[in-house]
Amino acid sequence: MKASDIVPLRAARPVPLTRMGFGGAPLGNLYRKVPEADAQAAVRAAWEAGIRYFDTAPQYGLGRSEERIGAVLAGFGRSAFTLSTKIGRLLVDCAPHEVTPEAFVDVPQKRIVFDYSYDGVMRSHEESLGRLGLDAVDVLLVHDVDVVSQGSREASDARVRELFDRGGYRALVELRDAGIVKAIGAGVNEWEVCERLMGLGDFDCFLLAGRYTLLEQEALDSFLPLCVARDVAIILGGPYNSGILATGAVEGARYNYAPAPPVILDRVRRIEAVCADHGVRLVEAALQFVVGHPAVRTVIPGAANASEVAANVAIFSQRLPDALWSDLKAAGLLRQDAPTPGGT
């Protein structure tokens, strides 16, 4: 399996994705400041490794990730890569005390305004093009209408209603129908809202942050089979559950953006032990497991510098033994119905 292998986002409206993409959140200074030289080197390293799919969002560093990715990609032919960004958060100039950095540091003096209306979608799209310095994006995703991001089911439901009742979905469809973007979808932190969106509109893909990993396979019950049946692609972000599947069960390990609870630490230790029996690192198993499912077209681990890109590519390229997956299933650490890269 190579990072540079090409798969279509959707058969009916083919958009090429490399089997591994580039997740742009770290370039927004996620948790720590990333020097400009490191950010540019990370994008170039991804390109040199054959990666041709790049994802970003206005939220990531309040525009900084879009600016950094666009500055490098502008040096390549526009038709040579696939780029996605997101709508839902407008960036507004503000006073210093009003800045809303969320998990990002050293950000521009902006505050976030959630807006999933028709005008909000169109404005967000145009402003993203300005920050990117490009004339088009390929995939436009509705960002964070999930419970995790909005704080409650009621708030999530309200954002979904806003998207459909105030014209945001209509704006996305118009952009796709006009060929201004090639595909539309959503980038969220839970599969349940994706399943709901599929019942309300025609979406090409979903960028799912976690929710289908070595630690979480509930999406196999209904959502992922539905994606296969409808040819809806999954772009898998967060394959490490925000850290623990890369670091292992070490002190301070993070699971879904918070300190990992004891039950998760114990499960990860057990998975690590099975991996060790096969001479496999946990991080290798975590990154490769997710692309075993036919709905998952690409995985997009983040990287803040060239060495992290190289590490991701090397990890992804390792040939893992089929017996690893069968042993994880035998130990009750992986669902029996989970497709795996080896086909077991």
C-alpha atoms as a PDB file:
ATOM      1  CA  MET A   1       0.000   0.000   0.000  1.00  0.00           C
ATOM      2  CA  LYS A   2       1.431   3.344  -1.077  1.00  0.00           C
ATOM      3  CA  ALA A   3       0.528   6.832   0.068  1.00  0.00           C
ATOM      4  CA  SER A   4       0.482   7.895  -3.583  1.00  0.00           C
ATOM      5  CA  ASP A   5      -2.019   5.268  -4.789  1.00  0.00           C
ATOM      6  CA  ILE A   6      -5.009   6.983  -6.422  1.00  0.00           C
ATOM      7  CA  VAL A   7      -8.637   6.184  -5.612  1.00  0.00           C
ATOM      8  CA  PRO A   8     -11.793   8.019  -6.763  1.00  0.00           C
ATOM      9  CA  LEU A   9     -13.838   9.956  -4.251  1.00  0.00           C
ATOM     10  CA  ARG A  10     -17.027   8.875  -6.011  1.00  0.00           C
ATOM     11  CA  ALA A  11     -17.514   6.777  -9.103  1.00  0.00           C
ATOM     12  CA  ALA A  12     -20.319   8.902 -10.556  1.00  0.00           C
ATOM     13  CA  ARG A  13     -18.396  12.166 -10.003  1.00  0.00           C
ATOM     14  CA  PRO A  14     -14.761  11.043  -9.849  1.00  0.00           C
ATOM     15  CA  VAL A  15     -12.446  13.222  -7.802  1.00  0.00           C
ATOM     16  CA  PRO A  16      -8.969  11.717  -7.401  1.00  0.00           C
ATOM     17  CA  LEU A  17      -7.677  11.147  -3.886  1.00  0.00           C
ATOM     18  CA  THR A  18      -4.361   9.674  -2.897  1.00  0.00           C
ATOM     19  CA  ARG A  19      -4.675   6.772  -0.481  1.00  0.00           C
ATOM     20  CA  MET A  20      -3.020   9.005   2.100  1.00  0.00           C
ATOM     21  CA  GLY A  21      -3.778  12.699   2.250  1.00  0.00           C
ATOM     22  CA  PHE A  22      -2.405  15.618   4.220  1.00  0.00           C
ATOM     23  CA  GLY A  23      -4.350  16.876   7.240  1.00  0.00           C
ATOM     24  CA  GLY A  24      -3.834  20.609   7.618  1.00  0.00           C
ATOM     25  CA  ALA A  25      -4.912  21.221  11.228  1.00  0.00           C
ATOM     26  CA  PRO A  26      -1.360  21.203  12.693  1.00  0.00           C
ATOM     27  CA  LEU A  27      -0.336  23.979  10.294  1.00  0.00           C
ATOM     28  CA  GLY A  28      -2.834  26.221  12.067  1.00  0.00           C
ATOM     29  CA  ASN A  29      -0.617  25.966  15.164  1.00  0.00           C
ATOM     30  CA  LEU A  30      -2.688  23.277  16.845  1.00  0.00           C
ATOM     31  CA  TYR A  31      -1.604  23.231  20.518  1.00  0.00           C
ATOM     32  CA  ARG A  32       1.820  24.708  19.625  1.00  0.00           C
ATOM     33  CA  LYS A  33       3.391  27.230  17.292  1.00  0.00           C
ATOM     34  CA  VAL A  34       4.734  25.759  14.058  1.00  0.00           C
ATOM     35  CA  PRO A  35       7.500  27.836  12.439  1.00  0.00           C
ATOM     36  CA  GLU A  36       6.705  29.046   8.947  1.00  0.00           C
ATOM     37  CA  ALA A  37       9.657  27.158   7.452  1.00  0.00           C
ATOM     38  CA  ASP A  38       8.485  23.899   9.047  1.00  0.00           C
ATOM     39  CA  ALA A  39       4.938  24.390   7.767  1.00  0.00           C
ATOM     40  CA  GLN A  40       6.084  24.971   4.192  1.00  0.00           C
ATOM     41  CA  ALA A  41       8.517  22.059   4.388  1.00  0.00           C
ATOM     42  CA  ALA A  42       5.702  19.751   5.559  1.00  0.00           C
ATOM     43  CA  VAL A  43       3.536  20.543   2.520  1.00  0.00           C
ATOM     44  CA  ARG A  44       6.489  20.164   0.155  1.00  0.00           C
ATOM     45  CA  ALA A  45       7.471  16.855   1.764  1.00  0.00           C
ATOM     46  CA  ALA A  46       3.939  15.566   1.267  1.00  0.00           C
ATOM     47  CA  TRP A  47       4.068  16.570  -2.377  1.00  0.00           C
ATOM     48  CA  GLU A  48       7.453  14.922  -2.894  1.00  0.00           C
ATOM     49  CA  ALA A  49       6.093  11.733  -1.312  1.00  0.00           C
ATOM     50  CA  GLY A  50       3.364  11.607  -3.947  1.00  0.00           C
ATOM     51  CA  ILE A  51       0.520  12.883  -1.749  1.00  0.00           C
ATOM     52  CA  ARG A  52      -1.944  14.860  -3.840  1.00  0.00           C
ATOM     53  CA  TYR A  53      -4.886  15.364  -1.490  1.00  0.00           C
ATOM     54  CA  PHE A  54      -4.757  18.213   1.022  1.00  0.00           C
ATOM     55  CA  ASP A  55      -7.387  19.208   3.582  1.00  0.00           C
ATOM     56  CA  THR A  56      -7.697  22.441   5.532  1.00  0.00           C
ATOM     57  CA  ALA A  57     -10.337  24.717   7.099  1.00  0.00           C
ATOM     58  CA  PRO A  58     -10.868  28.331   8.196  1.00  0.00           C
ATOM     59  CA  GLN A  59     -10.940  27.133  11.815  1.00  0.00           C
ATOM     60  CA  TYR A  60      -7.367  25.824  11.683  1.00  0.00           C
ATOM     61  CA  GLY A  61      -5.437  28.720  13.140  1.00  0.00           C
ATOM     62  CA  LEU A  62      -8.168  31.188  12.123  1.00  0.00           C
ATOM     63  CA  GLY A  63      -7.069  31.015   8.502  1.00  0.00           C
ATOM     64  CA  ARG A  64      -3.381  30.336   9.019  1.00  0.00           C
ATOM     65  CA  SER A  65      -3.532  26.744   7.752  1.00  0.00           C
ATOM     66  CA  GLU A  66      -5.313  27.787   4.549  1.00  0.00           C
ATOM     67  CA  GLU A  67      -2.742  30.514   3.920  1.00  0.00           C
ATOM     68  CA  ARG A  68       0.206  28.189   4.489  1.00  0.00           C
ATOM     69  CA  ILE A  69      -1.107  25.313   2.384  1.00  0.00           C
ATOM     70  CA  GLY A  70      -2.210  27.593  -0.430  1.00  0.00           C
ATOM     71  CA  ALA A  71       1.141  29.367  -0.573  1.00  0.00           C
ATOM     72  CA  VAL A  72       2.948  26.100  -1.316  1.00  0.00           C
ATOM     73  CA  LEU A  73       0.336  24.475  -3.558  1.00  0.00           C
ATOM     74  CA  ALA A  74       0.172  27.607  -5.713  1.00  0.00           C
ATOM     75  CA  GLY A  75       3.575  26.592  -7.056  1.00  0.00           C
ATOM     76  CA  PHE A  76       2.157  23.424  -8.597  1.00  0.00           C
ATOM     77  CA  GLY A  77      -0.333  22.958 -11.407  1.00  0.00           C
ATOM     78  CA  ARG A  78      -3.870  23.382 -10.071  1.00  0.00           C
ATOM     79  CA  SER A  79      -5.090  20.236 -11.803  1.00  0.00           C
ATOM     80  CA  ALA A  80      -2.359  18.161 -10.151  1.00  0.00           C
ATOM     81  CA  PHE A  81      -3.897  18.039  -6.670  1.00  0.00           C
ATOM     82  CA  THR A  82      -7.214  17.765  -4.842  1.00  0.00           C
ATOM     83  CA  LEU A  83      -7.998  20.284  -2.119  1.00  0.00           C
ATOM     84  CA  SER A  84     -10.780  20.445   0.451  1.00  0.00           C
ATOM     85  CA  THR A  85     -11.786  23.154   2.870  1.00  0.00           C
ATOM     86  CA  LYS A  86     -14.838  23.795   5.004  1.00  0.00           C
ATOM     87  CA  ILE A  87     -17.750  26.134   5.644  1.00  0.00           C
ATOM     88  CA  GLY A  88     -19.614  26.987   8.840  1.00  0.00           C
ATOM     89  CA  ARG A  89     -17.141  29.278  10.575  1.00  0.00           C
ATOM     90  CA  LEU A  90     -16.737  32.838   9.330  1.00  0.00           C
ATOM     91  CA  LEU A  91     -13.660  34.747  10.509  1.00  0.00           C
ATOM     92  CA  VAL A  92     -14.396  38.298  11.620  1.00  0.00           C
ATOM     93  CA  ASP A  93     -11.982  41.052  12.632  1.00  0.00           C
ATOM     94  CA  CYS A  94     -12.244  41.790  16.332  1.00  0.00           C
ATOM     95  CA  ALA A  95     -10.662  43.349  19.411  1.00  0.00           C
ATOM     96  CA  PRO A  96      -7.799  41.390  21.025  1.00  0.00           C
ATOM     97  CA  HIS A  97      -9.947  40.156  23.923  1.00  0.00           C
ATOM     98  CA  GLU A  98     -12.551  38.751  21.501  1.00  0.00           C
ATOM     99  CA  VAL A  99     -10.196  36.400  19.628  1.00  0.00           C
ATOM    100  CA  THR A 100     -11.513  32.803  19.606  1.00  0.00           C
ATOM    101  CA  PRO A 101      -8.481  30.574  18.983  1.00  0.00           C
ATOM    102  CA  GLU A 102     -10.078  27.341  20.273  1.00  0.00           C
ATOM    103  CA  ALA A 103      -7.163  24.831  20.396  1.00  0.00           C
ATOM    104  CA  PHE A 104      -4.822  26.946  18.259  1.00  0.00           C
ATOM    105  CA  VAL A 105      -2.043  29.318  19.326  1.00  0.00           C
ATOM    106  CA  ASP A 106      -0.444  32.417  17.758  1.00  0.00           C
ATOM    107  CA  VAL A 107      -3.502  33.139  15.632  1.00  0.00           C
ATOM    108  CA  PRO A 108      -4.608  36.258  13.708  1.00  0.00           C
ATOM    109  CA  GLN A 109      -6.844  38.772  15.475  1.00  0.00           C
ATOM    110  CA  LYS A 110     -10.131  37.159  14.458  1.00  0.00           C
ATOM    111  CA  ARG A 111     -13.196  35.725  16.106  1.00  0.00           C
ATOM    112  CA  ILE A 112     -15.336  32.862  14.851  1.00  0.00           C
ATOM    113  CA  VAL A 113     -18.970  33.320  13.880  1.00  0.00           C
ATOM    114  CA  PHE A 114     -20.887  30.143  13.086  1.00  0.00           C
ATOM    115  CA  ASP A 115     -22.998  30.556   9.957  1.00  0.00           C
ATOM    116  CA  TYR A 116     -24.526  27.720   7.909  1.00  0.00           C
ATOM    117  CA  SER A 117     -26.866  29.917   5.857  1.00  0.00           C
ATOM    118  CA  TYR A 118     -26.815  30.419   2.090  1.00  0.00           C
ATOM    119  CA  ASP A 119     -24.931  33.701   2.379  1.00  0.00           C
ATOM    120  CA  GLY A 120     -22.644  32.225   5.026  1.00  0.00           C
ATOM    121  CA  VAL A 121     -21.637  29.336   2.760  1.00  0.00           C
ATOM    122  CA  MET A 122     -20.996  31.600  -0.218  1.00  0.00           C
ATOM    123  CA  ARG A 123     -19.012  34.095   1.862  1.00  0.00           C
ATOM    124  CA  SER A 124     -16.975  31.375   3.554  1.00  0.00           C
ATOM    125  CA  HIS A 125     -16.125  29.801   0.197  1.00  0.00           C
ATOM    126  CA  GLU A 126     -14.986  33.107  -1.320  1.00  0.00           C
ATOM    127  CA  GLU A 127     -12.940  34.078   1.738  1.00  0.00           C
ATOM    128  CA  SER A 128     -11.247  30.677   1.773  1.00  0.00           C
ATOM    129  CA  LEU A 129     -10.222  31.151  -1.863  1.00  0.00           C
ATOM    130  CA  GLY A 130      -8.718  34.495  -0.895  1.00  0.00           C
ATOM    131  CA  ARG A 131      -6.683  33.010   1.939  1.00  0.00           C
ATOM    132  CA  LEU A 132      -5.589  30.061  -0.190  1.00  0.00           C
ATOM    133  CA  GLY A 133      -4.621  32.287  -3.094  1.00  0.00           C
ATOM    134  CA  LEU A 134      -6.205  29.781  -5.479  1.00  0.00           C
ATOM    135  CA  ASP A 135      -9.094  30.004  -7.903  1.00  0.00           C
ATOM    136  CA  ALA A 136     -10.889  26.838  -6.779  1.00  0.00           C
ATOM    137  CA  VAL A 137     -11.238  24.135  -4.172  1.00  0.00           C
ATOM    138  CA  ASP A 138     -12.400  20.680  -5.160  1.00  0.00           C
ATOM    139  CA  VAL A 139     -14.321  19.539  -2.083  1.00  0.00           C
ATOM    140  CA  LEU A 140     -16.371  21.778   0.214  1.00  0.00           C
ATOM    141  CA  LEU A 141     -17.334  20.343   3.596  1.00  0.00           C
ATOM    142  CA  VAL A 142     -19.873  21.441   6.209  1.00  0.00           C
ATOM    143  CA  HIS A 143     -17.789  21.796   9.353  1.00  0.00           C
ATOM    144  CA  ASP A 144     -18.698  20.640  12.859  1.00  0.00           C
ATOM    145  CA  VAL A 145     -22.473  20.337  13.019  1.00  0.00           C
ATOM    146  CA  ASP A 146     -21.994  17.453  15.472  1.00  0.00           C
ATOM    147  CA  VAL A 147     -22.698  17.128  19.193  1.00  0.00           C
ATOM    148  CA  VAL A 148     -19.000  17.093  20.084  1.00  0.00           C
ATOM    149  CA  SER A 149     -18.442  20.491  18.466  1.00  0.00           C
ATOM    150  CA  GLN A 150     -21.775  22.142  19.280  1.00  0.00           C
ATOM    151  CA  GLY A 151     -22.019  20.946  22.866  1.00  0.00           C
ATOM    152  CA  SER A 152     -25.380  19.152  22.846  1.00  0.00           C
ATOM    153  CA  ARG A 153     -27.737  17.202  20.633  1.00  0.00           C
ATOM    154  CA  GLU A 154     -30.131  20.150  20.659  1.00  0.00           C
ATOM    155  CA  ALA A 155     -27.436  22.529  19.438  1.00  0.00           C
ATOM    156  CA  SER A 156     -26.335  20.041  16.770  1.00  0.00           C
ATOM    157  CA  ASP A 157     -29.921  19.644  15.570  1.00  0.00           C
ATOM    158  CA  ALA A 158     -30.261  23.438  15.379  1.00  0.00           C
ATOM    159  CA  ARG A 159     -27.168  23.698  13.160  1.00  0.00           C
ATOM    160  CA  VAL A 160     -28.445  20.964  10.843  1.00  0.00           C
ATOM    161  CA  ARG A 161     -31.788  22.782  10.584  1.00  0.00           C
ATOM    162  CA  GLU A 162     -29.952  26.008   9.832  1.00  0.00           C
ATOM    163  CA  LEU A 163     -28.034  24.304   7.038  1.00  0.00           C
ATOM    164  CA  PHE A 164     -31.224  23.136   5.331  1.00  0.00           C
ATOM    165  CA  ASP A 165     -33.767  25.783   6.350  1.00  0.00           C
ATOM    166  CA  ARG A 166     -31.584  28.843   5.705  1.00  0.00           C
ATOM    167  CA  GLY A 167     -30.171  27.734   2.393  1.00  0.00           C
ATOM    168  CA  GLY A 168     -26.693  26.498   3.243  1.00  0.00           C
ATOM    169  CA  TYR A 169     -27.261  23.111   1.636  1.00  0.00           C
ATOM    170  CA  ARG A 170     -28.804  24.822  -1.403  1.00  0.00           C
ATOM    171  CA  ALA A 171     -25.655  26.929  -1.753  1.00  0.00           C
ATOM    172  CA  LEU A 172     -23.463  23.814  -1.674  1.00  0.00           C
ATOM    173  CA  VAL A 173     -25.571  22.109  -4.341  1.00  0.00           C
ATOM    174  CA  GLU A 174     -25.483  25.224  -6.526  1.00  0.00           C
ATOM    175  CA  LEU A 175     -21.693  25.360  -6.292  1.00  0.00           C
ATOM    176  CA  ARG A 176     -21.457  21.682  -7.213  1.00  0.00           C
ATOM    177  CA  ASP A 177     -24.002  21.860 -10.024  1.00  0.00           C
ATOM    178  CA  ALA A 178     -22.156  24.834 -11.517  1.00  0.00           C
ATOM    179  CA  GLY A 179     -18.866  22.928 -11.406  1.00  0.00           C
ATOM    180  CA  ILE A 180     -17.328  25.495  -9.077  1.00  0.00           C
ATOM    181  CA  VAL A 181     -16.626  22.660  -6.620  1.00  0.00           C
ATOM    182  CA  LYS A 182     -16.536  19.006  -7.572  1.00  0.00           C
ATOM    183  CA  ALA A 183     -17.944  17.432  -4.405  1.00  0.00           C
ATOM    184  CA  ILE A 184     -19.713  18.367  -1.187  1.00  0.00           C
ATOM    185  CA  GLY A 185     -19.839  16.726   2.203  1.00  0.00           C
ATOM    186  CA  ALA A 186     -19.303  17.303   5.896  1.00  0.00           C
ATOM    187  CA  GLY A 187     -16.316  17.248   8.222  1.00  0.00           C
ATOM    188  CA  VAL A 188     -17.420  16.172  11.695  1.00  0.00           C
ATOM    189  CA  ASN A 189     -16.458  14.299  14.846  1.00  0.00           C
ATOM    190  CA  GLU A 190     -19.183  11.660  14.916  1.00  0.00           C
ATOM    191  CA  TRP A 191     -20.790   9.315  12.422  1.00  0.00           C
ATOM    192  CA  GLU A 192     -24.344   9.693  13.710  1.00  0.00           C
ATOM    193  CA  VAL A 193     -24.783  13.197  12.290  1.00  0.00           C
ATOM    194  CA  CYS A 194     -23.367  11.976   8.964  1.00  0.00           C
ATOM    195  CA  GLU A 195     -26.055   9.317   8.829  1.00  0.00           C
ATOM    196  CA  ARG A 196     -28.664  11.966   9.513  1.00  0.00           C
ATOM    197  CA  LEU A 197     -27.292  14.238   6.800  1.00  0.00           C
ATOM    198  CA  MET A 198     -27.439  11.362   4.324  1.00  0.00           C
ATOM    199  CA  GLY A 199     -31.167  11.160   4.968  1.00  0.00           C
ATOM    200  CA  LEU A 200     -31.608  14.862   4.226  1.00  0.00           C
ATOM    201  CA  GLY A 201     -29.442  15.527   1.189  1.00  0.00           C
ATOM    202  CA  ASP A 202     -27.139  14.222  -1.510  1.00  0.00           C
ATOM    203  CA  PHE A 203     -23.574  14.238  -0.172  1.00  0.00           C
ATOM    204  CA  ASP A 204     -20.506  12.850  -1.902  1.00  0.00           C
ATOM    205  CA  CYS A 205     -18.289  12.298   1.119  1.00  0.00           C
ATOM    206  CA  PHE A 206     -17.752  12.745   4.830  1.00  0.00           C
ATOM    207  CA  LEU A 207     -14.539  13.619   6.602  1.00  0.00           C
ATOM    208  CA  LEU A 208     -14.838  11.670   9.824  1.00  0.00           C
ATOM    209  CA  ALA A 209     -12.439  12.615  12.622  1.00  0.00           C
ATOM    210  CA  GLY A 210     -11.971   9.363  14.504  1.00  0.00           C
ATOM    211  CA  ARG A 211     -15.099   7.242  15.137  1.00  0.00           C
ATOM    212  CA  TYR A 212     -13.695   4.429  13.023  1.00  0.00           C
ATOM    213  CA  THR A 213     -10.381   3.394  14.552  1.00  0.00           C
ATOM    214  CA  LEU A 214      -8.768   0.493  16.384  1.00  0.00           C
ATOM    215  CA  LEU A 215     -10.702   1.728  19.411  1.00  0.00           C
ATOM    216  CA  GLU A 216     -14.059   2.544  17.811  1.00  0.00           C
ATOM    217  CA  GLN A 217     -16.017   0.461  15.301  1.00  0.00           C
ATOM    218  CA  GLU A 218     -19.658   1.233  16.121  1.00  0.00           C
ATOM    219  CA  ALA A 219     -19.992   2.824  12.669  1.00  0.00           C
ATOM    220  CA  LEU A 220     -19.989  -0.718  11.238  1.00  0.00           C
ATOM    221  CA  ASP A 221     -23.548  -1.241  12.493  1.00  0.00           C
ATOM    222  CA  SER A 222     -25.305   0.993   9.981  1.00  0.00           C
ATOM    223  CA  PHE A 223     -23.365   4.015   8.776  1.00  0.00           C
ATOM    224  CA  LEU A 224     -20.446   2.465   6.914  1.00  0.00           C
ATOM    225  CA  PRO A 225     -22.586  -0.152   5.116  1.00  0.00           C
ATOM    226  CA  LEU A 226     -24.869   2.691   4.023  1.00  0.00           C
ATOM    227  CA  CYS A 227     -21.854   4.587   2.659  1.00  0.00           C
ATOM    228  CA  VAL A 228     -20.817   1.552   0.621  1.00  0.00           C
ATOM    229  CA  ALA A 229     -24.350   1.072  -0.716  1.00  0.00           C
ATOM    230  CA  ARG A 230     -24.612   4.734  -1.772  1.00  0.00           C
ATOM    231  CA  ASP A 231     -21.005   5.157  -2.923  1.00  0.00           C
ATOM    232  CA  VAL A 232     -20.366   7.865  -0.361  1.00  0.00           C
ATOM    233  CA  ALA A 233     -16.668   8.175   0.421  1.00  0.00           C
ATOM    234  CA  ILE A 234     -15.147   8.435   3.884  1.00  0.00           C
ATOM    235  CA  ILE A 235     -12.086  10.612   4.362  1.00  0.00           C
ATOM    236  CA  LEU A 236     -10.696   9.359   7.658  1.00  0.00           C
ATOM    237  CA  GLY A 237      -9.093  11.938   9.916  1.00  0.00           C
ATOM    238  CA  GLY A 238      -7.922  11.308  13.459  1.00  0.00           C
ATOM    239  CA  PRO A 239      -6.795   7.686  12.988  1.00  0.00           C
ATOM    240  CA  TYR A 240      -4.912   7.931  16.274  1.00  0.00           C
ATOM    241  CA  ASN A 241      -7.943   9.114  18.331  1.00  0.00           C
ATOM    242  CA  SER A 242      -6.099  12.417  18.911  1.00  0.00           C
ATOM    243  CA  GLY A 243      -2.945  10.754  20.164  1.00  0.00           C
ATOM    244  CA  ILE A 244      -3.157   7.551  22.141  1.00  0.00           C
ATOM    245  CA  LEU A 245      -2.957   5.210  19.147  1.00  0.00           C
ATOM    246  CA  ALA A 246       0.300   6.891  18.164  1.00  0.00           C
ATOM    247  CA  THR A 247       1.908   7.302  21.576  1.00  0.00           C
ATOM    248  CA  GLY A 248       0.564   4.164  23.197  1.00  0.00           C
ATOM    249  CA  ALA A 249      -0.728   4.002  26.765  1.00  0.00           C
ATOM    250  CA  VAL A 250       1.864   6.386  28.179  1.00  0.00           C
ATOM    251  CA  GLU A 251       1.354   8.876  30.982  1.00  0.00           C
ATOM    252  CA  GLY A 252      -0.603  11.846  29.686  1.00  0.00           C
ATOM    253  CA  ALA A 253      -1.838  10.014  26.574  1.00  0.00           C
ATOM    254  CA  ARG A 254      -4.810  11.777  24.984  1.00  0.00           C
ATOM    255  CA  TYR A 255      -7.978  10.114  23.718  1.00  0.00           C
ATOM    256  CA  ASN A 256     -10.438  12.274  21.785  1.00  0.00           C
ATOM    257  CA  TYR A 257      -8.793  15.528  22.900  1.00  0.00           C
ATOM    258  CA  ALA A 258      -8.797  14.681  26.621  1.00  0.00           C
ATOM    259  CA  PRO A 259      -6.665  12.588  28.998  1.00  0.00           C
ATOM    260  CA  ALA A 260      -7.333   8.923  28.283  1.00  0.00           C
ATOM    261  CA  PRO A 261      -9.494   7.212  30.940  1.00  0.00           C
ATOM    262  CA  PRO A 262      -8.277   3.977  32.585  1.00  0.00           C
ATOM    263  CA  VAL A 263     -10.534   1.721  30.487  1.00  0.00           C
ATOM    264  CA  ILE A 264      -9.041   3.110  27.273  1.00  0.00           C
ATOM    265  CA  LEU A 265      -5.493   2.900  28.608  1.00  0.00           C
ATOM    266  CA  ASP A 266      -6.055  -0.753  29.466  1.00  0.00           C
ATOM    267  CA  ARG A 267      -7.504  -1.563  26.045  1.00  0.00           C
ATOM    268  CA  VAL A 268      -4.621   0.153  24.283  1.00  0.00           C
ATOM    269  CA  ARG A 269      -2.096  -1.818  26.344  1.00  0.00           C
ATOM    270  CA  ARG A 270      -3.798  -5.041  25.260  1.00  0.00           C
ATOM    271  CA  ILE A 271      -3.757  -3.981  21.601  1.00  0.00           C
ATOM    272  CA  GLU A 272      -0.093  -3.021  21.929  1.00  0.00           C
ATOM    273  CA  ALA A 273       0.718  -6.470  23.319  1.00  0.00           C
ATOM    274  CA  VAL A 274      -0.852  -8.232  20.325  1.00  0.00           C
ATOM    275  CA  CYS A 275       0.963  -5.879  17.957  1.00  0.00           C
ATOM    276  CA  ALA A 276       4.269  -6.590  19.731  1.00  0.00           C
ATOM    277  CA  ASP A 277       3.743 -10.343  19.252  1.00  0.00           C
ATOM    278  CA  HIS A 278       3.830  -9.672  15.496  1.00  0.00           C
ATOM    279  CA  GLY A 279       6.686  -7.172  15.557  1.00  0.00           C
ATOM    280  CA  VAL A 280       4.284  -4.371  14.647  1.00  0.00           C
ATOM    281  CA  ARG A 281       4.144  -0.924  16.202  1.00  0.00           C
ATOM    282  CA  LEU A 282       0.780   0.291  17.450  1.00  0.00           C
ATOM    283  CA  VAL A 283       0.958   3.387  15.267  1.00  0.00           C
ATOM    284  CA  GLU A 284       1.412   1.215  12.150  1.00  0.00           C
ATOM    285  CA  ALA A 285      -1.640  -0.874  12.950  1.00  0.00           C
ATOM    286  CA  ALA A 286      -3.726   2.217  13.743  1.00  0.00           C
ATOM    287  CA  LEU A 287      -2.925   4.014  10.504  1.00  0.00           C
ATOM    288  CA  GLN A 288      -3.406   1.009   8.250  1.00  0.00           C
ATOM    289  CA  PHE A 289      -6.482  -0.525   9.879  1.00  0.00           C
ATOM    290  CA  VAL A 290      -8.835   2.266   8.827  1.00  0.00           C
ATOM    291  CA  VAL A 291      -8.217   1.894   5.087  1.00  0.00           C
ATOM    292  CA  GLY A 292      -9.229  -1.742   5.210  1.00  0.00           C
ATOM    293  CA  HIS A 293     -12.867  -0.673   4.969  1.00  0.00           C
ATOM    294  CA  PRO A 294     -14.092  -0.149   1.393  1.00  0.00           C
ATOM    295  CA  ALA A 295     -15.872   3.097   2.309  1.00  0.00           C
ATOM    296  CA  VAL A 296     -12.630   4.682   3.528  1.00  0.00           C
ATOM    297  CA  ARG A 297     -10.937   6.108   0.444  1.00  0.00           C
ATOM    298  CA  THR A 298      -8.145   8.026   2.169  1.00  0.00           C
ATOM    299  CA  VAL A 299      -6.657   8.665   5.585  1.00  0.00           C
ATOM    300  CA  ILE A 300      -5.282  12.122   6.435  1.00  0.00           C
ATOM    301  CA  PRO A 301      -2.911  12.149   9.407  1.00  0.00           C
ATOM    302  CA  GLY A 302      -1.676  15.598  10.335  1.00  0.00           C
ATOM    303  CA  ALA A 303       1.946  16.698  10.200  1.00  0.00           C
ATOM    304  CA  ALA A 304       3.717  19.835  11.389  1.00  0.00           C
ATOM    305  CA  ASN A 305       7.077  19.327   9.656  1.00  0.00           C
ATOM    306  CA  ALA A 306       8.787  17.283   6.978  1.00  0.00           C
ATOM    307  CA  SER A 307       9.996  14.566   9.339  1.00  0.00           C
ATOM    308  CA  GLU A 308       6.449  13.895  10.545  1.00  0.00           C
ATOM    309  CA  VAL A 309       5.301  13.568   6.935  1.00  0.00           C
ATOM    310  CA  ALA A 310       8.108  11.111   6.221  1.00  0.00           C
ATOM    311  CA  ALA A 311       7.204   9.104   9.314  1.00  0.00           C
ATOM    312  CA  ASN A 312       3.540   8.905   8.279  1.00  0.00           C
ATOM    313  CA  VAL A 313       4.450   7.751   4.770  1.00  0.00           C
ATOM    314  CA  ALA A 314       6.841   5.108   6.098  1.00  0.00           C
ATOM    315  CA  ILE A 315       4.280   3.823   8.587  1.00  0.00           C
ATOM    316  CA  PHE A 316       1.612   3.623   5.904  1.00  0.00           C
ATOM    317  CA  SER A 317       3.880   1.720   3.539  1.00  0.00           C
ATOM    318  CA  GLN A 318       4.717  -1.140   5.911  1.00  0.00           C
ATOM    319  CA  ARG A 319       3.330  -4.568   5.033  1.00  0.00           C
ATOM    320  CA  LEU A 320       1.603  -5.872   8.145  1.00  0.00           C
ATOM    321  CA  PRO A 321       0.936  -9.590   8.714  1.00  0.00           C
ATOM    322  CA  ASP A 322      -2.628 -10.798   8.155  1.00  0.00           C
ATOM    323  CA  ALA A 323      -2.370 -12.757  11.406  1.00  0.00           C
ATOM    324  CA  LEU A 324      -2.208  -9.478  13.344  1.00  0.00           C
ATOM    325  CA  TRP A 325      -5.812  -8.680  12.501  1.00  0.00           C
ATOM    326  CA  SER A 326      -7.092 -12.194  13.153  1.00  0.00           C
ATOM    327  CA  ASP A 327      -5.343 -12.258  16.540  1.00  0.00           C
ATOM    328  CA  LEU A 328      -6.829  -8.893  17.492  1.00  0.00           C
ATOM    329  CA  LYS A 329     -10.260 -10.287  16.624  1.00  0.00           C
ATOM    330  CA  ALA A 330      -9.613 -13.500  18.560  1.00  0.00           C
ATOM    331  CA  ALA A 331      -8.668 -11.420  21.610  1.00  0.00           C
ATOM    332  CA  GLY A 332     -11.908  -9.435  21.377  1.00  0.00           C
ATOM    333  CA  LEU A 333     -10.005  -6.242  20.587  1.00  0.00           C
ATOM    334  CA  LEU A 334     -11.386  -5.838  17.074  1.00  0.00           C
ATOM    335  CA  ARG A 335     -14.881  -6.540  15.833  1.00  0.00           C
ATOM    336  CA  GLN A 336     -15.280  -9.754  13.900  1.00  0.00           C
ATOM    337  CA  ASP A 337     -17.000  -7.935  11.041  1.00  0.00           C
ATOM    338  CA  ALA A 338     -14.317  -5.260  10.678  1.00  0.00           C
ATOM    339  CA  PRO A 339     -12.719  -5.395   7.209  1.00  0.00           C
ATOM    340  CA  THR A 340      -8.924  -5.309   7.380  1.00  0.00           C
ATOM    341  CA  PRO A 341      -6.153  -4.444   4.902  1.00  0.00           C
ATOM    342  CA  GLY A 342      -5.270  -8.143   4.597  1.00  0.00           C
ATOM    343  CA  GLY A 343      -8.870  -9.076   3.875  1.00  0.00           C
ATOM    344  CA  THR A 344      -9.341 -11.122   7.070  1.00  0.00           C
END
